[in-house]
Amino acid sequence: MALKLVIGNKNYSTWSLRPWFFMKNLNVDFEEELVYLFEEDTNKQLAPYFSDSKVPVLVKGDLQVWDTLAIIETLTDMYPEKKGWPQDFRARAIARSASAEMHSSFNALRNALPMNLRKRFADYPINNEVQKDIDRIVSVWEYCHKNASTKGSWLMGDFSGVDAMYAPIVMRFKGYDVKLSGFAAEYCDWVANNPYMQEWVDAGLKETQVIQEDEV
């Protein structure tokens, strides 16, 4: 039975990007259903799903999984051979900790720098609270890379769920011209140049809908 991933606007929806990017990089086959958010019929389109009119939703038969992190964990259970988390116990624990922190934190950055693939700023002003979030994210990335059990350009060496969780942060950093150096700068370039990220961005740039609250 085919998997379906219900997502929102590719230009804006960070939570939709995460499981989509995860599934693409792990070569998980799925059908995609895109629902434009904040439209008159958005709630009607999402009514069949037990997600409180939110995206993303993973659907397999009568199973519905909502919330990005839950989707990533479920997919890892469904496809253990895909190695969605690091195989080393310590590295896996660190990757999950970093992912959970992304899930629950960085509100200043989320509010001040919404993902909007159509926007590019040079020297965008960053306030102190947002800079604290940026500094913490960079330190998390460096900690992950330092504690990776395999060598590679992803946070834990090989691609895993933690890269999916931070993928929208990369696009925010790129869009708002956040100044980075060292591993953080290299990592942002690596993710931004990933063919699946480029596929997502290309699709997002073709969208014409405007969500005003995400237009800075």
N, C-alpha and C. Protein backbone atom coordinates (compact mmCIF):
# COMPACT_ATOMS: atom_id res chain seq x y z
N MET A 1 0.85 -1.20 0.00
CA MET A 1 0.00 0.00 0.00
C MET A 1 0.88 1.25 0.00
N ALA A 2 0.62 2.16 -0.91
CA ALA A 2 1.47 3.33 -1.09
C ALA A 2 1.37 4.28 0.09
N LEU A 3 2.49 4.89 0.39
CA LEU A 3 2.53 5.96 1.38
C LEU A 3 2.11 7.27 0.73
N LYS A 4 1.45 8.11 1.51
CA LYS A 4 1.12 9.46 1.04
C LYS A 4 1.59 10.46 2.09
N LEU A 5 2.21 11.54 1.63
CA LEU A 5 2.61 12.62 2.52
C LEU A 5 1.84 13.87 2.14
N VAL A 6 1.06 14.36 3.07
CA VAL A 6 0.28 15.58 2.87
C VAL A 6 1.12 16.75 3.38
N ILE A 7 1.34 17.73 2.51
CA ILE A 7 2.21 18.85 2.86
C ILE A 7 1.54 20.17 2.50
N GLY A 8 2.14 21.26 3.00
CA GLY A 8 1.68 22.60 2.66
C GLY A 8 2.62 23.26 1.66
N ASN A 9 2.44 24.55 1.50
CA ASN A 9 3.21 25.33 0.51
C ASN A 9 4.71 25.07 0.63
N LYS A 10 5.33 24.76 -0.48
CA LYS A 10 6.77 24.52 -0.45
C LYS A 10 7.56 25.81 -0.23
N ASN A 11 6.99 26.93 -0.61
CA ASN A 11 7.69 28.19 -0.37
C ASN A 11 7.81 28.52 1.11
N TYR A 12 6.84 28.11 1.90
CA TYR A 12 6.77 28.55 3.29
C TYR A 12 6.87 27.43 4.34
N SER A 13 6.37 26.24 4.04
CA SER A 13 6.09 25.27 5.09
C SER A 13 7.33 24.49 5.52
N THR A 14 7.93 24.93 6.61
CA THR A 14 9.13 24.27 7.15
C THR A 14 8.82 22.88 7.65
N TRP A 15 7.68 22.72 8.32
CA TRP A 15 7.35 21.41 8.88
C TRP A 15 7.07 20.40 7.77
N SER A 16 6.57 20.86 6.63
CA SER A 16 6.36 19.96 5.50
C SER A 16 7.68 19.55 4.87
N LEU A 17 8.61 20.50 4.78
CA LEU A 17 9.91 20.21 4.18
C LEU A 17 10.62 19.08 4.90
N ARG A 18 10.54 19.04 6.21
CA ARG A 18 11.35 18.09 6.98
C ARG A 18 11.08 16.63 6.61
N PRO A 19 9.85 16.12 6.71
CA PRO A 19 9.66 14.71 6.35
C PRO A 19 9.83 14.45 4.86
N TRP A 20 9.47 15.43 4.02
CA TRP A 20 9.67 15.29 2.57
C TRP A 20 11.15 15.09 2.27
N PHE A 21 12.00 15.93 2.84
CA PHE A 21 13.45 15.86 2.64
C PHE A 21 13.99 14.54 3.19
N PHE A 22 13.47 14.11 4.31
CA PHE A 22 13.87 12.84 4.93
C PHE A 22 13.55 11.68 4.00
N MET A 23 12.34 11.63 3.50
CA MET A 23 11.92 10.52 2.65
C MET A 23 12.66 10.52 1.32
N LYS A 24 12.88 11.68 0.76
CA LYS A 24 13.59 11.76 -0.51
C LYS A 24 15.03 11.27 -0.40
N ASN A 25 15.72 11.72 0.65
CA ASN A 25 17.12 11.35 0.80
C ASN A 25 17.30 9.88 1.17
N LEU A 26 16.28 9.27 1.74
CA LEU A 26 16.34 7.85 2.06
C LEU A 26 15.70 6.98 0.98
N ASN A 27 15.29 7.60 -0.11
CA ASN A 27 14.68 6.87 -1.23
C ASN A 27 13.46 6.06 -0.81
N VAL A 28 12.60 6.69 -0.03
CA VAL A 28 11.32 6.09 0.35
C VAL A 28 10.28 6.54 -0.68
N ASP A 29 9.61 5.59 -1.30
CA ASP A 29 8.59 5.92 -2.30
C ASP A 29 7.33 6.45 -1.62
N PHE A 30 6.78 7.53 -2.14
CA PHE A 30 5.55 8.09 -1.57
C PHE A 30 4.85 8.96 -2.59
N GLU A 31 3.55 9.10 -2.38
CA GLU A 31 2.75 10.05 -3.15
C GLU A 31 2.68 11.35 -2.35
N GLU A 32 2.62 12.44 -3.05
CA GLU A 32 2.60 13.77 -2.43
C GLU A 32 1.26 14.45 -2.66
N GLU A 33 0.67 14.94 -1.60
CA GLU A 33 -0.56 15.75 -1.72
C GLU A 33 -0.26 17.13 -1.14
N LEU A 34 -0.31 18.15 -1.99
CA LEU A 34 -0.01 19.50 -1.54
C LEU A 34 -1.31 20.26 -1.32
N VAL A 35 -1.44 20.83 -0.13
CA VAL A 35 -2.61 21.64 0.23
C VAL A 35 -2.12 23.06 0.50
N TYR A 36 -2.63 24.02 -0.24
CA TYR A 36 -2.24 25.41 0.01
C TYR A 36 -2.87 25.89 1.31
N LEU A 37 -2.05 26.49 2.15
CA LEU A 37 -2.48 26.87 3.49
C LEU A 37 -3.16 28.24 3.49
N PHE A 38 -4.00 28.43 4.49
CA PHE A 38 -4.69 29.71 4.72
C PHE A 38 -5.56 30.13 3.53
N GLU A 39 -6.11 29.16 2.83
CA GLU A 39 -7.09 29.42 1.79
C GLU A 39 -8.48 29.08 2.31
N GLU A 40 -9.50 29.51 1.60
CA GLU A 40 -10.87 29.27 2.05
C GLU A 40 -11.19 27.79 2.19
N ASP A 41 -10.58 26.97 1.34
CA ASP A 41 -10.91 25.54 1.36
C ASP A 41 -9.82 24.70 2.03
N THR A 42 -8.86 25.33 2.71
CA THR A 42 -7.77 24.58 3.33
C THR A 42 -8.29 23.59 4.37
N ASN A 43 -9.13 24.06 5.28
CA ASN A 43 -9.65 23.18 6.33
C ASN A 43 -10.48 22.04 5.74
N LYS A 44 -11.21 22.32 4.68
CA LYS A 44 -12.01 21.28 4.04
C LYS A 44 -11.11 20.20 3.45
N GLN A 45 -10.01 20.63 2.83
CA GLN A 45 -9.09 19.66 2.24
C GLN A 45 -8.38 18.82 3.30
N LEU A 46 -8.16 19.42 4.46
CA LEU A 46 -7.46 18.70 5.53
C LEU A 46 -8.41 17.98 6.48
N ALA A 47 -9.70 18.17 6.30
CA ALA A 47 -10.69 17.56 7.19
C ALA A 47 -10.59 16.04 7.27
N PRO A 48 -10.23 15.33 6.19
CA PRO A 48 -10.15 13.87 6.29
C PRO A 48 -9.03 13.37 7.20
N TYR A 49 -8.14 14.27 7.61
CA TYR A 49 -6.97 13.85 8.39
C TYR A 49 -7.10 14.30 9.84
N PHE A 50 -6.69 13.43 10.74
CA PHE A 50 -6.79 13.72 12.17
C PHE A 50 -5.55 14.51 12.62
N SER A 51 -5.42 15.72 12.08
CA SER A 51 -4.23 16.51 12.35
C SER A 51 -4.56 17.93 12.80
N ASP A 52 -5.83 18.17 13.11
CA ASP A 52 -6.27 19.50 13.53
C ASP A 52 -5.99 20.53 12.43
N SER A 53 -6.22 20.13 11.18
CA SER A 53 -6.02 20.99 10.01
C SER A 53 -4.58 21.47 9.86
N LYS A 54 -3.65 20.64 10.29
CA LYS A 54 -2.22 20.98 10.19
C LYS A 54 -1.53 19.99 9.26
N VAL A 55 -0.41 20.44 8.71
CA VAL A 55 0.46 19.59 7.90
C VAL A 55 1.83 19.56 8.58
N PRO A 56 2.59 18.50 8.31
CA PRO A 56 2.37 17.39 7.39
C PRO A 56 1.60 16.25 8.04
N VAL A 57 1.13 15.33 7.19
CA VAL A 57 0.50 14.10 7.64
C VAL A 57 1.01 12.96 6.77
N LEU A 58 1.43 11.89 7.40
CA LEU A 58 1.82 10.68 6.69
C LEU A 58 0.64 9.71 6.73
N VAL A 59 0.28 9.17 5.57
CA VAL A 59 -0.88 8.30 5.48
C VAL A 59 -0.47 6.98 4.84
N LYS A 60 -0.84 5.88 5.50
CA LYS A 60 -0.70 4.54 4.91
C LYS A 60 -1.95 3.76 5.25
N GLY A 61 -2.81 3.58 4.28
CA GLY A 61 -4.09 2.92 4.54
C GLY A 61 -4.89 3.73 5.53
N ASP A 62 -5.30 3.09 6.63
CA ASP A 62 -6.07 3.80 7.64
C ASP A 62 -5.19 4.37 8.75
N LEU A 63 -3.87 4.27 8.57
CA LEU A 63 -2.94 4.85 9.55
C LEU A 63 -2.61 6.28 9.14
N GLN A 64 -2.77 7.20 10.10
CA GLN A 64 -2.38 8.59 9.89
C GLN A 64 -1.40 8.99 10.99
N VAL A 65 -0.30 9.57 10.59
CA VAL A 65 0.71 10.04 11.53
C VAL A 65 0.91 11.53 11.30
N TRP A 66 0.66 12.32 12.31
CA TRP A 66 0.84 13.77 12.19
C TRP A 66 1.98 14.20 13.10
N ASP A 67 2.53 15.33 12.83
CA ASP A 67 3.71 15.90 13.50
C ASP A 67 4.99 15.35 12.85
N THR A 68 5.85 16.26 12.47
CA THR A 68 7.05 15.92 11.72
C THR A 68 7.93 14.90 12.41
N LEU A 69 8.23 15.12 13.68
CA LEU A 69 9.15 14.22 14.37
C LEU A 69 8.54 12.82 14.51
N ALA A 70 7.24 12.76 14.74
CA ALA A 70 6.57 11.47 14.81
C ALA A 70 6.63 10.76 13.45
N ILE A 71 6.51 11.51 12.37
CA ILE A 71 6.59 10.92 11.04
C ILE A 71 7.98 10.33 10.81
N ILE A 72 9.01 11.07 11.17
CA ILE A 72 10.38 10.58 10.99
C ILE A 72 10.60 9.31 11.80
N GLU A 73 10.15 9.30 13.05
CA GLU A 73 10.31 8.11 13.88
C GLU A 73 9.53 6.93 13.30
N THR A 74 8.32 7.18 12.83
CA THR A 74 7.50 6.11 12.26
C THR A 74 8.15 5.53 11.02
N LEU A 75 8.65 6.39 10.15
CA LEU A 75 9.32 5.91 8.95
C LEU A 75 10.56 5.09 9.28
N THR A 76 11.28 5.49 10.32
CA THR A 76 12.44 4.73 10.75
C THR A 76 12.04 3.33 11.21
N ASP A 77 10.90 3.24 11.90
CA ASP A 77 10.39 1.92 12.30
C ASP A 77 9.95 1.11 11.09
N MET A 78 9.33 1.76 10.13
CA MET A 78 8.81 1.07 8.95
C MET A 78 9.93 0.57 8.03
N TYR A 79 11.01 1.33 7.96
CA TYR A 79 12.10 1.01 7.04
C TYR A 79 13.44 0.99 7.79
N PRO A 80 13.64 0.02 8.68
CA PRO A 80 14.89 0.00 9.45
C PRO A 80 16.13 -0.12 8.57
N GLU A 81 15.96 -0.73 7.40
CA GLU A 81 17.10 -0.89 6.50
C GLU A 81 17.57 0.44 5.90
N LYS A 82 16.72 1.46 5.97
CA LYS A 82 17.08 2.78 5.44
C LYS A 82 17.99 3.56 6.38
N LYS A 83 18.05 3.12 7.63
CA LYS A 83 18.95 3.74 8.62
C LYS A 83 18.66 5.24 8.77
N GLY A 84 17.44 5.52 9.19
CA GLY A 84 17.02 6.91 9.35
C GLY A 84 17.67 7.64 10.50
N TRP A 85 18.21 6.90 11.45
CA TRP A 85 19.01 7.46 12.55
C TRP A 85 20.38 6.80 12.53
N PRO A 86 21.39 7.42 13.15
CA PRO A 86 22.70 6.76 13.23
C PRO A 86 22.59 5.39 13.88
N GLN A 87 23.40 4.46 13.43
CA GLN A 87 23.36 3.11 13.97
C GLN A 87 24.06 3.00 15.31
N ASP A 88 25.04 3.83 15.55
CA ASP A 88 25.74 3.86 16.83
C ASP A 88 24.82 4.45 17.90
N PHE A 89 24.73 3.78 19.06
CA PHE A 89 23.80 4.19 20.10
C PHE A 89 24.05 5.63 20.56
N ARG A 90 25.29 5.98 20.83
CA ARG A 90 25.61 7.32 21.34
C ARG A 90 25.30 8.38 20.30
N ALA A 91 25.70 8.14 19.07
CA ALA A 91 25.43 9.11 18.00
C ALA A 91 23.93 9.26 17.77
N ARG A 92 23.20 8.15 17.87
CA ARG A 92 21.75 8.21 17.68
C ARG A 92 21.09 9.04 18.78
N ALA A 93 21.54 8.88 20.01
CA ALA A 93 20.98 9.64 21.12
C ALA A 93 21.24 11.14 20.94
N ILE A 94 22.43 11.48 20.48
CA ILE A 94 22.75 12.89 20.25
C ILE A 94 21.91 13.45 19.11
N ALA A 95 21.75 12.68 18.03
CA ALA A 95 20.94 13.14 16.90
C ALA A 95 19.50 13.37 17.32
N ARG A 96 18.97 12.49 18.16
CA ARG A 96 17.59 12.66 18.63
C ARG A 96 17.47 13.85 19.56
N SER A 97 18.48 14.08 20.39
CA SER A 97 18.45 15.24 21.28
C SER A 97 18.44 16.53 20.48
N ALA A 98 19.31 16.61 19.47
CA ALA A 98 19.37 17.80 18.63
C ALA A 98 18.06 18.00 17.87
N SER A 99 17.45 16.91 17.44
CA SER A 99 16.18 17.00 16.71
C SER A 99 15.06 17.48 17.61
N ALA A 100 15.02 16.96 18.83
CA ALA A 100 13.99 17.38 19.78
C ALA A 100 14.15 18.85 20.15
N GLU A 101 15.40 19.31 20.27
CA GLU A 101 15.62 20.73 20.57
C GLU A 101 15.12 21.60 19.41
N MET A 102 15.35 21.16 18.19
CA MET A 102 14.84 21.90 17.04
C MET A 102 13.32 21.95 17.08
N HIS A 103 12.73 20.86 17.48
CA HIS A 103 11.27 20.74 17.51
C HIS A 103 10.65 21.71 18.52
N SER A 104 11.35 21.96 19.61
CA SER A 104 10.73 22.68 20.73
C SER A 104 11.29 24.08 20.98
N SER A 105 12.34 24.47 20.28
CA SER A 105 13.07 25.69 20.65
C SER A 105 13.19 26.67 19.48
N PHE A 106 14.00 27.69 19.71
CA PHE A 106 14.38 28.68 18.69
C PHE A 106 13.19 29.52 18.22
N ASN A 107 12.33 29.89 19.16
CA ASN A 107 11.13 30.66 18.80
C ASN A 107 11.46 32.05 18.28
N ALA A 108 12.51 32.67 18.81
CA ALA A 108 12.87 34.01 18.34
C ALA A 108 13.25 33.96 16.86
N LEU A 109 14.03 32.97 16.49
CA LEU A 109 14.44 32.83 15.10
C LEU A 109 13.24 32.49 14.21
N ARG A 110 12.39 31.58 14.67
CA ARG A 110 11.22 31.20 13.88
C ARG A 110 10.35 32.43 13.57
N ASN A 111 10.14 33.26 14.58
CA ASN A 111 9.25 34.41 14.42
C ASN A 111 9.87 35.51 13.56
N ALA A 112 11.16 35.72 13.73
CA ALA A 112 11.81 36.85 13.04
C ALA A 112 12.24 36.49 11.63
N LEU A 113 12.54 35.21 11.39
CA LEU A 113 13.07 34.80 10.09
C LEU A 113 12.25 33.64 9.51
N PRO A 114 11.00 33.89 9.15
CA PRO A 114 10.20 32.81 8.56
C PRO A 114 10.78 32.36 7.23
N MET A 115 10.66 31.06 6.95
CA MET A 115 11.16 30.57 5.67
C MET A 115 10.30 31.11 4.54
N ASN A 116 10.96 31.71 3.59
CA ASN A 116 10.28 32.25 2.41
C ASN A 116 11.29 32.16 1.27
N LEU A 117 11.17 31.13 0.46
CA LEU A 117 12.19 30.85 -0.55
C LEU A 117 12.28 31.92 -1.61
N ARG A 118 11.25 32.74 -1.76
CA ARG A 118 11.27 33.81 -2.76
C ARG A 118 12.06 35.02 -2.30
N LYS A 119 12.37 35.09 -1.00
CA LYS A 119 13.03 36.28 -0.46
C LYS A 119 14.52 36.04 -0.27
N ARG A 120 15.31 37.04 -0.60
CA ARG A 120 16.74 37.05 -0.33
C ARG A 120 17.13 38.43 0.17
N PHE A 121 17.84 38.48 1.28
CA PHE A 121 18.23 39.74 1.88
C PHE A 121 19.74 39.79 2.04
N ALA A 122 20.32 40.93 1.85
CA ALA A 122 21.73 41.15 2.13
C ALA A 122 21.86 41.90 3.45
N ASP A 123 22.67 41.38 4.35
CA ASP A 123 22.91 42.04 5.64
C ASP A 123 21.61 42.30 6.39
N TYR A 124 20.77 41.29 6.48
CA TYR A 124 19.50 41.43 7.18
C TYR A 124 19.77 41.65 8.67
N PRO A 125 19.11 42.63 9.31
CA PRO A 125 19.37 42.92 10.72
C PRO A 125 18.93 41.77 11.64
N ILE A 126 19.81 41.38 12.54
CA ILE A 126 19.55 40.28 13.47
C ILE A 126 19.60 40.83 14.89
N ASN A 127 18.49 40.66 15.64
CA ASN A 127 18.50 41.16 17.01
C ASN A 127 19.18 40.16 17.94
N ASN A 128 19.35 40.55 19.19
CA ASN A 128 20.13 39.74 20.13
C ASN A 128 19.50 38.38 20.40
N GLU A 129 18.18 38.34 20.52
CA GLU A 129 17.51 37.07 20.81
C GLU A 129 17.64 36.09 19.64
N VAL A 130 17.51 36.62 18.44
CA VAL A 130 17.68 35.76 17.26
C VAL A 130 19.13 35.28 17.17
N GLN A 131 20.08 36.18 17.47
CA GLN A 131 21.49 35.79 17.41
C GLN A 131 21.80 34.69 18.42
N LYS A 132 21.16 34.73 19.59
CA LYS A 132 21.34 33.66 20.56
C LYS A 132 20.89 32.32 19.99
N ASP A 133 19.76 32.34 19.29
CA ASP A 133 19.27 31.11 18.66
C ASP A 133 20.25 30.63 17.59
N ILE A 134 20.75 31.55 16.79
CA ILE A 134 21.71 31.20 15.74
C ILE A 134 22.96 30.58 16.36
N ASP A 135 23.48 31.22 17.40
CA ASP A 135 24.69 30.72 18.05
C ASP A 135 24.47 29.32 18.63
N ARG A 136 23.29 29.10 19.20
CA ARG A 136 23.00 27.78 19.77
C ARG A 136 22.90 26.74 18.66
N ILE A 137 22.25 27.07 17.56
CA ILE A 137 22.13 26.12 16.45
C ILE A 137 23.51 25.76 15.91
N VAL A 138 24.36 26.74 15.73
CA VAL A 138 25.72 26.48 15.24
C VAL A 138 26.46 25.56 16.20
N SER A 139 26.30 25.79 17.51
CA SER A 139 26.98 24.95 18.49
C SER A 139 26.42 23.52 18.47
N VAL A 140 25.12 23.38 18.24
CA VAL A 140 24.50 22.05 18.12
C VAL A 140 25.07 21.33 16.90
N TRP A 141 25.14 22.03 15.79
CA TRP A 141 25.69 21.41 14.58
C TRP A 141 27.13 20.95 14.80
N GLU A 142 27.92 21.79 15.42
CA GLU A 142 29.33 21.45 15.65
C GLU A 142 29.43 20.27 16.62
N TYR A 143 28.57 20.24 17.62
CA TYR A 143 28.58 19.14 18.59
C TYR A 143 28.21 17.83 17.90
N CYS A 144 27.19 17.87 17.07
CA CYS A 144 26.79 16.68 16.32
C CYS A 144 27.94 16.17 15.46
N HIS A 145 28.53 17.07 14.71
CA HIS A 145 29.60 16.68 13.79
C HIS A 145 30.79 16.11 14.55
N LYS A 146 31.10 16.72 15.67
CA LYS A 146 32.23 16.27 16.49
C LYS A 146 31.97 14.86 17.04
N ASN A 147 30.71 14.55 17.31
CA ASN A 147 30.35 13.27 17.92
C ASN A 147 29.80 12.26 16.93
N ALA A 148 29.95 12.54 15.65
CA ALA A 148 29.48 11.61 14.63
C ALA A 148 30.28 10.32 14.68
N SER A 149 29.62 9.22 14.41
CA SER A 149 30.29 7.91 14.42
C SER A 149 30.77 7.51 13.03
N THR A 150 30.37 8.27 12.00
CA THR A 150 30.84 8.04 10.64
C THR A 150 31.32 9.35 10.05
N LYS A 151 32.14 9.28 9.03
CA LYS A 151 32.65 10.47 8.38
C LYS A 151 31.76 10.85 7.21
N GLY A 152 31.51 12.13 7.06
CA GLY A 152 30.67 12.60 5.98
C GLY A 152 30.28 14.03 6.21
N SER A 153 29.55 14.63 5.27
CA SER A 153 29.23 16.05 5.33
C SER A 153 27.93 16.36 6.07
N TRP A 154 27.17 15.31 6.41
CA TRP A 154 25.94 15.53 7.17
C TRP A 154 26.27 15.71 8.65
N LEU A 155 25.28 16.10 9.44
CA LEU A 155 25.55 16.43 10.85
C LEU A 155 26.16 15.27 11.61
N MET A 156 25.67 14.05 11.36
CA MET A 156 26.19 12.88 12.04
C MET A 156 27.03 12.02 11.09
N GLY A 157 27.60 12.64 10.08
CA GLY A 157 28.37 11.92 9.08
C GLY A 157 27.50 11.49 7.93
N ASP A 158 26.69 10.45 8.15
CA ASP A 158 25.70 10.01 7.17
C ASP A 158 24.40 10.78 7.37
N PHE A 159 23.60 10.85 6.32
CA PHE A 159 22.30 11.50 6.43
C PHE A 159 21.43 10.80 7.46
N SER A 160 20.68 11.61 8.24
CA SER A 160 19.75 11.03 9.22
C SER A 160 18.66 12.05 9.52
N GLY A 161 17.77 11.67 10.43
CA GLY A 161 16.63 12.52 10.77
C GLY A 161 17.01 13.90 11.24
N VAL A 162 18.15 14.04 11.88
CA VAL A 162 18.54 15.36 12.38
C VAL A 162 18.80 16.34 11.24
N ASP A 163 19.27 15.84 10.10
CA ASP A 163 19.47 16.72 8.94
C ASP A 163 18.13 17.20 8.39
N ALA A 164 17.15 16.33 8.41
CA ALA A 164 15.81 16.74 7.97
C ALA A 164 15.24 17.80 8.89
N MET A 165 15.46 17.64 10.19
CA MET A 165 14.91 18.59 11.15
C MET A 165 15.53 19.98 11.00
N TYR A 166 16.79 20.06 10.61
CA TYR A 166 17.46 21.36 10.49
C TYR A 166 17.49 21.90 9.06
N ALA A 167 16.95 21.15 8.10
CA ALA A 167 16.98 21.61 6.71
C ALA A 167 16.34 22.99 6.52
N PRO A 168 15.17 23.28 7.13
CA PRO A 168 14.59 24.62 6.95
C PRO A 168 15.45 25.73 7.57
N ILE A 169 16.21 25.40 8.61
CA ILE A 169 17.10 26.39 9.20
C ILE A 169 18.16 26.81 8.18
N VAL A 170 18.67 25.83 7.45
CA VAL A 170 19.63 26.15 6.40
C VAL A 170 19.05 27.16 5.41
N MET A 171 17.81 26.94 5.00
CA MET A 171 17.20 27.84 4.03
C MET A 171 16.92 29.21 4.62
N ARG A 172 16.63 29.25 5.91
CA ARG A 172 16.49 30.55 6.58
C ARG A 172 17.84 31.27 6.61
N PHE A 173 18.89 30.56 7.00
CA PHE A 173 20.21 31.18 7.05
C PHE A 173 20.61 31.72 5.68
N LYS A 174 20.32 30.96 4.63
CA LYS A 174 20.66 31.40 3.28
C LYS A 174 19.83 32.62 2.88
N GLY A 175 18.53 32.58 3.18
CA GLY A 175 17.65 33.65 2.75
C GLY A 175 17.90 34.98 3.44
N TYR A 176 18.30 34.90 4.72
CA TYR A 176 18.51 36.12 5.49
C TYR A 176 19.98 36.48 5.64
N ASP A 177 20.82 35.86 4.83
CA ASP A 177 22.24 36.22 4.75
C ASP A 177 22.91 36.16 6.12
N VAL A 178 22.63 35.07 6.85
CA VAL A 178 23.26 34.89 8.16
C VAL A 178 24.73 34.55 7.95
N LYS A 179 25.59 35.28 8.60
CA LYS A 179 27.03 35.10 8.43
C LYS A 179 27.52 33.90 9.24
N LEU A 180 28.11 32.94 8.55
CA LEU A 180 28.59 31.71 9.18
C LEU A 180 30.02 31.44 8.73
N SER A 181 30.68 30.58 9.48
CA SER A 181 32.03 30.17 9.10
C SER A 181 32.24 28.72 9.50
N GLY A 182 33.36 28.14 9.10
CA GLY A 182 33.70 26.80 9.51
C GLY A 182 32.69 25.76 9.07
N PHE A 183 32.46 24.77 9.93
CA PHE A 183 31.58 23.67 9.57
C PHE A 183 30.16 24.14 9.27
N ALA A 184 29.66 25.13 10.01
CA ALA A 184 28.29 25.61 9.79
C ALA A 184 28.11 26.13 8.37
N ALA A 185 29.07 26.89 7.88
CA ALA A 185 28.99 27.41 6.51
C ALA A 185 29.07 26.28 5.50
N GLU A 186 29.96 25.33 5.73
CA GLU A 186 30.09 24.19 4.83
C GLU A 186 28.82 23.35 4.82
N TYR A 187 28.24 23.17 5.99
CA TYR A 187 27.03 22.37 6.10
C TYR A 187 25.87 23.03 5.35
N CYS A 188 25.73 24.34 5.50
CA CYS A 188 24.66 25.05 4.80
C CYS A 188 24.80 24.90 3.29
N ASP A 189 26.01 25.01 2.79
CA ASP A 189 26.22 24.84 1.36
C ASP A 189 25.90 23.41 0.93
N TRP A 190 26.28 22.45 1.75
CA TRP A 190 26.03 21.04 1.44
C TRP A 190 24.53 20.76 1.33
N VAL A 191 23.77 21.25 2.30
CA VAL A 191 22.32 21.01 2.30
C VAL A 191 21.65 21.78 1.16
N ALA A 192 22.02 23.04 0.98
CA ALA A 192 21.39 23.86 -0.06
C ALA A 192 21.63 23.29 -1.45
N ASN A 193 22.76 22.62 -1.64
CA ASN A 193 23.10 22.07 -2.95
C ASN A 193 22.62 20.63 -3.13
N ASN A 194 22.00 20.07 -2.10
CA ASN A 194 21.45 18.73 -2.22
C ASN A 194 20.39 18.72 -3.34
N PRO A 195 20.40 17.73 -4.22
CA PRO A 195 19.46 17.76 -5.35
C PRO A 195 17.99 17.76 -4.92
N TYR A 196 17.69 17.14 -3.80
CA TYR A 196 16.30 17.13 -3.34
C TYR A 196 15.90 18.48 -2.76
N MET A 197 16.86 19.15 -2.12
CA MET A 197 16.56 20.51 -1.66
C MET A 197 16.35 21.43 -2.85
N GLN A 198 17.15 21.26 -3.88
CA GLN A 198 16.98 22.09 -5.07
C GLN A 198 15.64 21.80 -5.75
N GLU A 199 15.23 20.54 -5.72
CA GLU A 199 13.92 20.18 -6.27
C GLU A 199 12.80 20.87 -5.50
N TRP A 200 12.91 20.87 -4.17
CA TRP A 200 11.91 21.53 -3.32
C TRP A 200 11.88 23.03 -3.60
N VAL A 201 13.05 23.65 -3.63
CA VAL A 201 13.15 25.09 -3.85
C VAL A 201 12.57 25.46 -5.21
N ASP A 202 12.92 24.71 -6.24
CA ASP A 202 12.40 25.02 -7.58
C ASP A 202 10.88 24.99 -7.59
N ALA A 203 10.30 24.00 -6.92
CA ALA A 203 8.83 23.92 -6.86
C ALA A 203 8.26 25.09 -6.06
N GLY A 204 8.92 25.43 -4.96
CA GLY A 204 8.45 26.54 -4.14
C GLY A 204 8.46 27.86 -4.86
N LEU A 205 9.47 28.07 -5.67
CA LEU A 205 9.59 29.33 -6.41
C LEU A 205 8.52 29.48 -7.48
N LYS A 206 7.94 28.37 -7.89
CA LYS A 206 6.88 28.42 -8.90
C LYS A 206 5.51 28.73 -8.29
N GLU A 207 5.40 28.63 -6.97
CA GLU A 207 4.13 28.92 -6.32
C GLU A 207 3.86 30.43 -6.35
N THR A 208 2.60 30.78 -6.45
CA THR A 208 2.23 32.19 -6.54
C THR A 208 1.47 32.69 -5.31
N GLN A 209 1.00 31.78 -4.46
CA GLN A 209 0.24 32.20 -3.29
C GLN A 209 1.13 32.99 -2.33
N VAL A 210 0.57 33.99 -1.71
CA VAL A 210 1.29 34.81 -0.73
C VAL A 210 0.62 34.64 0.63
N ILE A 211 1.42 34.24 1.61
CA ILE A 211 0.97 34.19 3.00
C ILE A 211 1.56 35.42 3.69
N GLN A 212 0.75 36.39 3.98
CA GLN A 212 1.22 37.70 4.36
C GLN A 212 2.07 37.68 5.63
N GLU A 213 1.71 36.81 6.59
CA GLU A 213 2.45 36.81 7.86
C GLU A 213 3.88 36.30 7.70
N ASP A 214 4.17 35.64 6.58
CA ASP A 214 5.53 35.16 6.32
C ASP A 214 6.28 36.04 5.34
N GLU A 215 5.69 37.17 5.01
CA GLU A 215 6.35 38.13 4.13
C GLU A 215 6.97 39.22 4.99
N VAL A 216 8.28 39.14 5.15
CA VAL A 216 8.98 40.08 6.06
C VAL A 216 9.25 41.37 5.32
